[in-house]
N, C-alpha and C. Protein backbone atom coordinates (compact mmCIF):
# COMPACT_ATOMS: atom_id res chain seq x y z
N MET A 1 0.70 -1.15 -0.02
CA MET A 1 -0.03 0.01 -0.03
C MET A 1 0.92 1.16 0.11
N ASN A 2 0.60 2.19 -0.78
CA ASN A 2 1.19 3.44 -0.94
C ASN A 2 0.84 4.37 0.15
N THR A 3 1.70 4.70 1.06
CA THR A 3 1.31 5.65 2.06
C THR A 3 1.77 7.06 1.81
N LYS A 4 2.34 7.33 0.70
CA LYS A 4 2.72 8.69 0.33
C LYS A 4 1.67 9.54 -0.11
N ASP A 5 1.57 10.72 0.54
CA ASP A 5 0.64 11.62 0.25
C ASP A 5 1.02 12.48 -0.96
N GLU A 6 0.50 12.13 -2.05
CA GLU A 6 1.03 12.71 -3.44
C GLU A 6 0.30 14.06 -3.65
N PHE A 7 -0.81 14.29 -2.93
CA PHE A 7 -1.73 15.53 -3.18
C PHE A 7 -1.21 16.61 -2.23
N GLY A 8 -0.56 16.26 -1.08
CA GLY A 8 -0.12 17.16 -0.03
C GLY A 8 0.34 18.43 -0.46
N HIS A 9 1.16 18.40 -1.51
CA HIS A 9 1.91 19.62 -1.84
C HIS A 9 1.19 20.57 -2.82
N ASP A 10 0.05 20.13 -3.14
CA ASP A 10 -0.97 20.82 -4.14
C ASP A 10 -1.64 21.89 -3.25
N PRO A 11 -1.40 23.20 -3.67
CA PRO A 11 -1.96 24.38 -2.99
C PRO A 11 -3.47 24.21 -2.79
N ASN A 12 -4.18 23.75 -3.87
CA ASN A 12 -5.60 23.72 -3.80
C ASN A 12 -6.03 22.58 -2.74
N ILE A 13 -5.25 21.54 -2.64
CA ILE A 13 -5.51 20.48 -1.76
C ILE A 13 -5.30 21.15 -0.25
N GLN A 14 -4.24 21.67 -0.21
CA GLN A 14 -3.89 22.28 1.22
C GLN A 14 -4.97 23.23 1.61
N ARG A 15 -5.55 24.14 0.67
CA ARG A 15 -6.52 25.12 1.00
C ARG A 15 -7.80 24.34 1.41
N THR A 16 -8.19 23.17 0.67
CA THR A 16 -9.42 22.48 0.98
C THR A 16 -9.26 21.92 2.34
N ARG A 17 -8.03 21.30 2.64
CA ARG A 17 -7.95 20.67 3.86
C ARG A 17 -8.17 21.66 4.93
N LYS A 18 -7.50 22.94 4.93
CA LYS A 18 -7.64 23.80 5.89
C LYS A 18 -8.99 24.38 6.13
N TYR A 19 -9.76 24.38 5.07
CA TYR A 19 -11.19 24.83 5.11
C TYR A 19 -11.94 23.78 5.79
N PHE A 20 -11.79 22.62 5.49
CA PHE A 20 -12.61 21.51 6.22
C PHE A 20 -12.07 21.46 7.81
N ALA A 21 -10.84 21.59 8.03
CA ALA A 21 -10.40 21.78 9.35
C ALA A 21 -11.04 22.82 10.29
N ARG A 22 -11.11 23.92 9.76
CA ARG A 22 -11.91 24.97 10.16
C ARG A 22 -13.23 24.74 10.50
N MET A 23 -14.04 23.88 9.68
CA MET A 23 -15.34 23.46 9.88
C MET A 23 -15.43 22.50 10.98
N GLU A 24 -14.53 21.45 11.00
CA GLU A 24 -14.52 20.63 12.20
C GLU A 24 -14.26 21.18 13.53
N ALA A 25 -13.36 22.28 13.52
CA ALA A 25 -13.01 23.09 14.67
C ALA A 25 -14.31 23.73 15.08
N MET A 26 -15.05 24.40 14.25
CA MET A 26 -16.21 25.15 14.54
C MET A 26 -17.34 24.16 15.16
N ASP A 27 -17.40 22.88 14.62
CA ASP A 27 -18.27 21.97 15.19
C ASP A 27 -17.90 21.60 16.62
N LEU A 28 -16.72 21.28 16.90
CA LEU A 28 -16.30 21.07 18.27
C LEU A 28 -16.56 22.27 19.17
N GLU A 29 -16.28 23.38 18.80
CA GLU A 29 -16.34 24.50 19.60
C GLU A 29 -17.76 24.78 19.93
N LEU A 30 -18.73 24.67 18.89
CA LEU A 30 -20.08 24.85 19.22
C LEU A 30 -20.52 23.82 20.22
N ILE A 31 -20.21 22.62 20.03
CA ILE A 31 -20.64 21.49 20.87
C ILE A 31 -20.22 21.71 22.46
N LYS A 32 -18.84 21.98 22.49
CA LYS A 32 -18.32 22.10 23.84
C LYS A 32 -18.84 23.44 24.51
N GLY A 33 -18.77 24.61 23.64
CA GLY A 33 -19.28 25.87 24.12
C GLY A 33 -20.80 25.88 24.51
N SER A 34 -21.61 25.07 24.08
CA SER A 34 -23.01 24.89 24.22
C SER A 34 -23.34 23.75 25.32
N GLY A 35 -22.29 23.16 25.77
CA GLY A 35 -22.52 22.17 26.72
C GLY A 35 -23.33 20.87 26.24
N ILE A 36 -23.27 20.51 24.89
CA ILE A 36 -23.89 19.46 24.37
C ILE A 36 -23.05 18.13 24.57
N SER A 37 -23.60 17.03 25.01
CA SER A 37 -22.99 15.83 25.17
C SER A 37 -22.64 15.12 23.73
N PHE A 38 -21.57 14.60 23.56
CA PHE A 38 -21.17 13.94 22.54
C PHE A 38 -21.95 12.66 22.27
N PHE A 39 -22.70 12.29 23.31
CA PHE A 39 -23.57 11.03 23.32
C PHE A 39 -25.08 11.43 23.14
N ASP A 40 -25.37 12.61 22.94
CA ASP A 40 -26.76 13.02 22.76
C ASP A 40 -27.30 12.44 21.48
N PRO A 41 -28.24 11.67 21.41
CA PRO A 41 -28.76 10.95 20.23
C PRO A 41 -29.20 12.12 19.02
N LYS A 42 -29.57 13.35 19.46
CA LYS A 42 -29.95 14.36 18.54
C LYS A 42 -28.75 14.97 17.84
N LEU A 43 -27.49 14.74 18.32
CA LEU A 43 -26.22 15.44 17.68
C LEU A 43 -26.13 14.76 16.29
N ARG A 44 -26.19 13.61 15.93
CA ARG A 44 -26.06 13.26 14.67
C ARG A 44 -27.08 13.69 13.63
N GLN A 45 -28.31 13.71 14.16
CA GLN A 45 -29.29 14.51 13.30
C GLN A 45 -29.04 15.93 12.91
N ALA A 46 -28.41 16.53 14.01
CA ALA A 46 -28.15 18.05 13.80
C ALA A 46 -26.98 18.18 12.83
N ARG A 47 -26.02 17.22 12.98
CA ARG A 47 -24.89 17.37 12.09
C ARG A 47 -25.21 17.05 10.71
N ASP A 48 -26.17 16.08 10.52
CA ASP A 48 -26.55 15.56 9.08
C ASP A 48 -27.23 16.74 8.55
N MET A 49 -28.28 17.34 9.27
CA MET A 49 -29.11 18.51 8.77
C MET A 49 -28.22 19.69 8.40
N ARG A 50 -27.20 20.00 9.15
CA ARG A 50 -26.22 21.02 8.96
C ARG A 50 -25.58 20.71 7.51
N LEU A 51 -25.12 19.64 7.23
CA LEU A 51 -24.48 19.36 6.09
C LEU A 51 -25.39 19.50 4.79
N ARG A 52 -26.57 18.96 5.00
CA ARG A 52 -27.58 18.96 3.93
C ARG A 52 -27.95 20.53 3.68
N LEU A 53 -28.17 21.27 4.78
CA LEU A 53 -28.30 22.64 4.50
C LEU A 53 -27.21 23.45 3.78
N PHE A 54 -26.07 23.19 4.38
CA PHE A 54 -24.95 23.83 3.67
C PHE A 54 -24.79 23.49 2.22
N GLY A 55 -24.99 22.23 1.86
CA GLY A 55 -24.88 21.83 0.47
C GLY A 55 -26.08 22.44 -0.36
N ARG A 56 -27.17 22.60 0.15
CA ARG A 56 -28.32 23.17 -0.60
C ARG A 56 -28.02 24.75 -0.72
N ALA A 57 -27.63 25.29 0.42
CA ALA A 57 -27.29 26.75 0.35
C ALA A 57 -26.08 27.08 -0.54
N CYS A 58 -24.97 26.29 -0.68
CA CYS A 58 -23.94 26.29 -1.60
C CYS A 58 -24.47 26.26 -3.12
N THR A 59 -25.32 25.20 -3.27
CA THR A 59 -25.90 25.18 -4.61
C THR A 59 -26.72 26.37 -5.01
N GLY A 60 -27.63 26.87 -3.96
CA GLY A 60 -28.32 28.06 -4.29
C GLY A 60 -27.47 29.27 -4.66
N ALA A 61 -26.36 29.39 -3.87
CA ALA A 61 -25.44 30.46 -4.18
C ALA A 61 -24.94 30.42 -5.50
N ALA A 62 -24.45 29.13 -5.99
CA ALA A 62 -24.02 29.03 -7.29
C ALA A 62 -25.13 29.32 -8.37
N ARG A 63 -26.17 28.93 -8.12
CA ARG A 63 -27.33 29.13 -9.08
C ARG A 63 -27.59 30.54 -9.31
N LYS A 64 -27.42 31.44 -8.09
CA LYS A 64 -27.57 32.84 -8.06
C LYS A 64 -26.41 33.68 -8.58
N GLY A 65 -25.22 32.89 -8.74
CA GLY A 65 -23.96 33.61 -9.15
C GLY A 65 -23.26 34.27 -7.97
N ILE A 66 -23.52 33.76 -6.81
CA ILE A 66 -22.90 34.31 -5.62
C ILE A 66 -21.62 33.65 -5.29
N PHE A 67 -20.50 34.28 -5.23
CA PHE A 67 -19.19 33.71 -5.01
C PHE A 67 -19.02 33.51 -3.58
N LEU A 68 -18.70 32.44 -3.13
CA LEU A 68 -18.39 32.08 -1.70
C LEU A 68 -16.86 31.87 -1.53
N ASP A 69 -16.20 33.00 -1.06
CA ASP A 69 -14.91 32.77 -0.83
C ASP A 69 -14.67 32.06 0.47
N GLU A 70 -13.56 31.74 0.98
CA GLU A 70 -13.37 31.04 2.23
C GLU A 70 -14.13 31.59 3.40
N GLU A 71 -13.93 32.83 3.77
CA GLU A 71 -14.63 33.43 4.78
C GLU A 71 -16.11 33.56 4.67
N THR A 72 -16.58 33.74 3.57
CA THR A 72 -18.08 33.77 3.37
C THR A 72 -18.64 32.33 3.46
N GLY A 73 -17.73 31.44 2.93
CA GLY A 73 -18.26 30.04 2.99
C GLY A 73 -18.33 29.55 4.56
N ILE A 74 -17.33 30.07 5.27
CA ILE A 74 -17.25 29.74 6.80
C ILE A 74 -18.50 30.30 7.51
N MET A 75 -18.76 31.58 7.10
CA MET A 75 -19.97 32.34 7.65
C MET A 75 -21.34 31.54 7.31
N LEU A 76 -21.41 31.06 6.16
CA LEU A 76 -22.60 30.29 5.66
C LEU A 76 -22.60 29.09 6.45
N PHE A 77 -21.51 28.42 6.59
CA PHE A 77 -21.47 27.06 7.37
C PHE A 77 -21.94 27.33 8.82
N ASN A 78 -21.47 28.48 9.36
CA ASN A 78 -21.93 28.74 10.78
C ASN A 78 -23.44 29.01 10.86
N ILE A 79 -23.87 29.60 9.84
CA ILE A 79 -25.48 29.90 9.98
C ILE A 79 -26.18 28.59 9.71
N CYS A 80 -25.66 27.72 9.02
CA CYS A 80 -26.27 26.40 8.77
C CYS A 80 -26.20 25.62 9.94
N GLN A 81 -25.00 25.61 10.66
CA GLN A 81 -24.88 24.94 11.86
C GLN A 81 -25.76 25.32 13.05
N ASP A 82 -25.83 26.66 13.11
CA ASP A 82 -26.74 27.24 14.14
C ASP A 82 -28.19 26.86 13.92
N THR A 83 -28.61 27.06 12.74
CA THR A 83 -29.85 26.71 12.23
C THR A 83 -30.30 25.32 12.44
N ALA A 84 -29.42 24.40 12.10
CA ALA A 84 -29.62 22.98 12.23
C ALA A 84 -29.80 22.47 13.75
N PHE A 85 -28.76 23.01 14.51
CA PHE A 85 -28.77 22.64 15.90
C PHE A 85 -29.88 23.12 16.51
N LYS A 86 -30.38 24.40 16.30
CA LYS A 86 -31.63 24.87 16.94
C LYS A 86 -32.87 24.14 16.57
N LYS A 87 -32.98 23.71 15.22
CA LYS A 87 -34.10 22.98 14.73
C LYS A 87 -34.24 21.65 15.35
N CYS A 88 -32.95 21.12 15.86
CA CYS A 88 -33.05 19.80 16.51
C CYS A 88 -33.13 19.88 18.05
N GLY A 89 -33.43 21.13 18.43
CA GLY A 89 -33.78 21.27 19.99
C GLY A 89 -32.54 21.66 20.78
N PHE A 90 -31.40 22.01 20.25
CA PHE A 90 -30.32 22.45 21.03
C PHE A 90 -30.21 23.82 21.18
N LYS A 91 -29.85 24.35 22.46
CA LYS A 91 -29.64 25.65 22.62
C LYS A 91 -28.11 25.89 22.45
N VAL A 92 -27.86 26.72 21.45
CA VAL A 92 -26.47 26.97 20.90
C VAL A 92 -26.17 28.46 21.13
N SER A 93 -24.89 28.76 21.35
CA SER A 93 -24.45 30.03 21.23
C SER A 93 -23.59 30.15 20.08
N SER A 94 -23.97 31.00 19.06
CA SER A 94 -23.36 31.26 17.83
C SER A 94 -21.90 31.55 17.97
N LEU A 95 -21.14 31.02 17.04
CA LEU A 95 -19.65 31.27 17.10
C LEU A 95 -19.37 32.64 16.29
N ILE A 96 -20.12 32.84 15.33
CA ILE A 96 -19.98 33.96 14.32
C ILE A 96 -21.23 34.73 14.27
N GLN A 97 -21.21 36.01 14.59
CA GLN A 97 -22.43 36.69 14.36
C GLN A 97 -22.52 37.18 13.02
N THR A 98 -23.50 37.13 12.25
CA THR A 98 -23.66 37.63 10.89
C THR A 98 -25.03 38.14 10.60
N ASN A 99 -24.94 39.30 10.10
CA ASN A 99 -26.32 39.89 9.66
C ASN A 99 -26.26 40.05 8.12
N ASN A 100 -25.61 39.21 7.41
CA ASN A 100 -25.50 39.15 6.04
C ASN A 100 -26.97 38.65 5.45
N PRO A 101 -27.66 39.41 4.92
CA PRO A 101 -29.09 38.98 4.50
C PRO A 101 -28.95 38.09 3.33
N GLU A 102 -27.87 38.26 2.59
CA GLU A 102 -27.84 37.35 1.45
C GLU A 102 -27.63 35.81 1.91
N LEU A 103 -26.76 35.70 2.87
CA LEU A 103 -26.51 34.28 3.37
C LEU A 103 -27.58 33.81 4.19
N LEU A 104 -28.24 34.71 4.87
CA LEU A 104 -29.38 34.32 5.74
C LEU A 104 -30.50 33.77 4.81
N SER A 105 -30.75 34.68 3.58
CA SER A 105 -31.73 34.14 2.64
C SER A 105 -31.42 32.77 2.04
N LEU A 106 -30.14 32.47 1.75
CA LEU A 106 -29.59 31.27 1.18
C LEU A 106 -30.07 30.12 2.12
N VAL A 107 -29.81 30.29 3.45
CA VAL A 107 -30.15 29.25 4.38
C VAL A 107 -31.63 29.02 4.51
N LYS A 108 -32.46 30.23 4.55
CA LYS A 108 -33.82 30.10 4.59
C LYS A 108 -34.42 29.29 3.42
N GLU A 109 -33.93 29.64 2.19
CA GLU A 109 -34.40 28.86 1.03
C GLU A 109 -33.98 27.44 1.03
N ALA A 110 -32.82 27.07 1.64
CA ALA A 110 -32.45 25.61 1.76
C ALA A 110 -33.26 24.89 2.73
N LEU A 111 -33.89 25.48 3.63
CA LEU A 111 -34.85 24.78 4.53
C LEU A 111 -36.09 24.31 3.83
């Protein structure tokens, strides 16, 4: 088995890995900061909903010609995360406060 990471030097791969690492860190920070148990049965549902919302919102952004740079994408992910966790009954404290009506509209349409 080849264990060499042939893609690790590609700047696009590095950027993508960094982006997903930020998302994972936001997930953990929200869970810990909100006092949610990792064993709560609603957690999987909230995480799944968050990813579905984020995927739909990104698709909606592309359809509308809205460019999502890294920071805007992270803000959109945060809105999706907060929305999904709240819909699943969790009391969460938002990590990033945003009043971006365009992003809020994308998430609302994705619901």
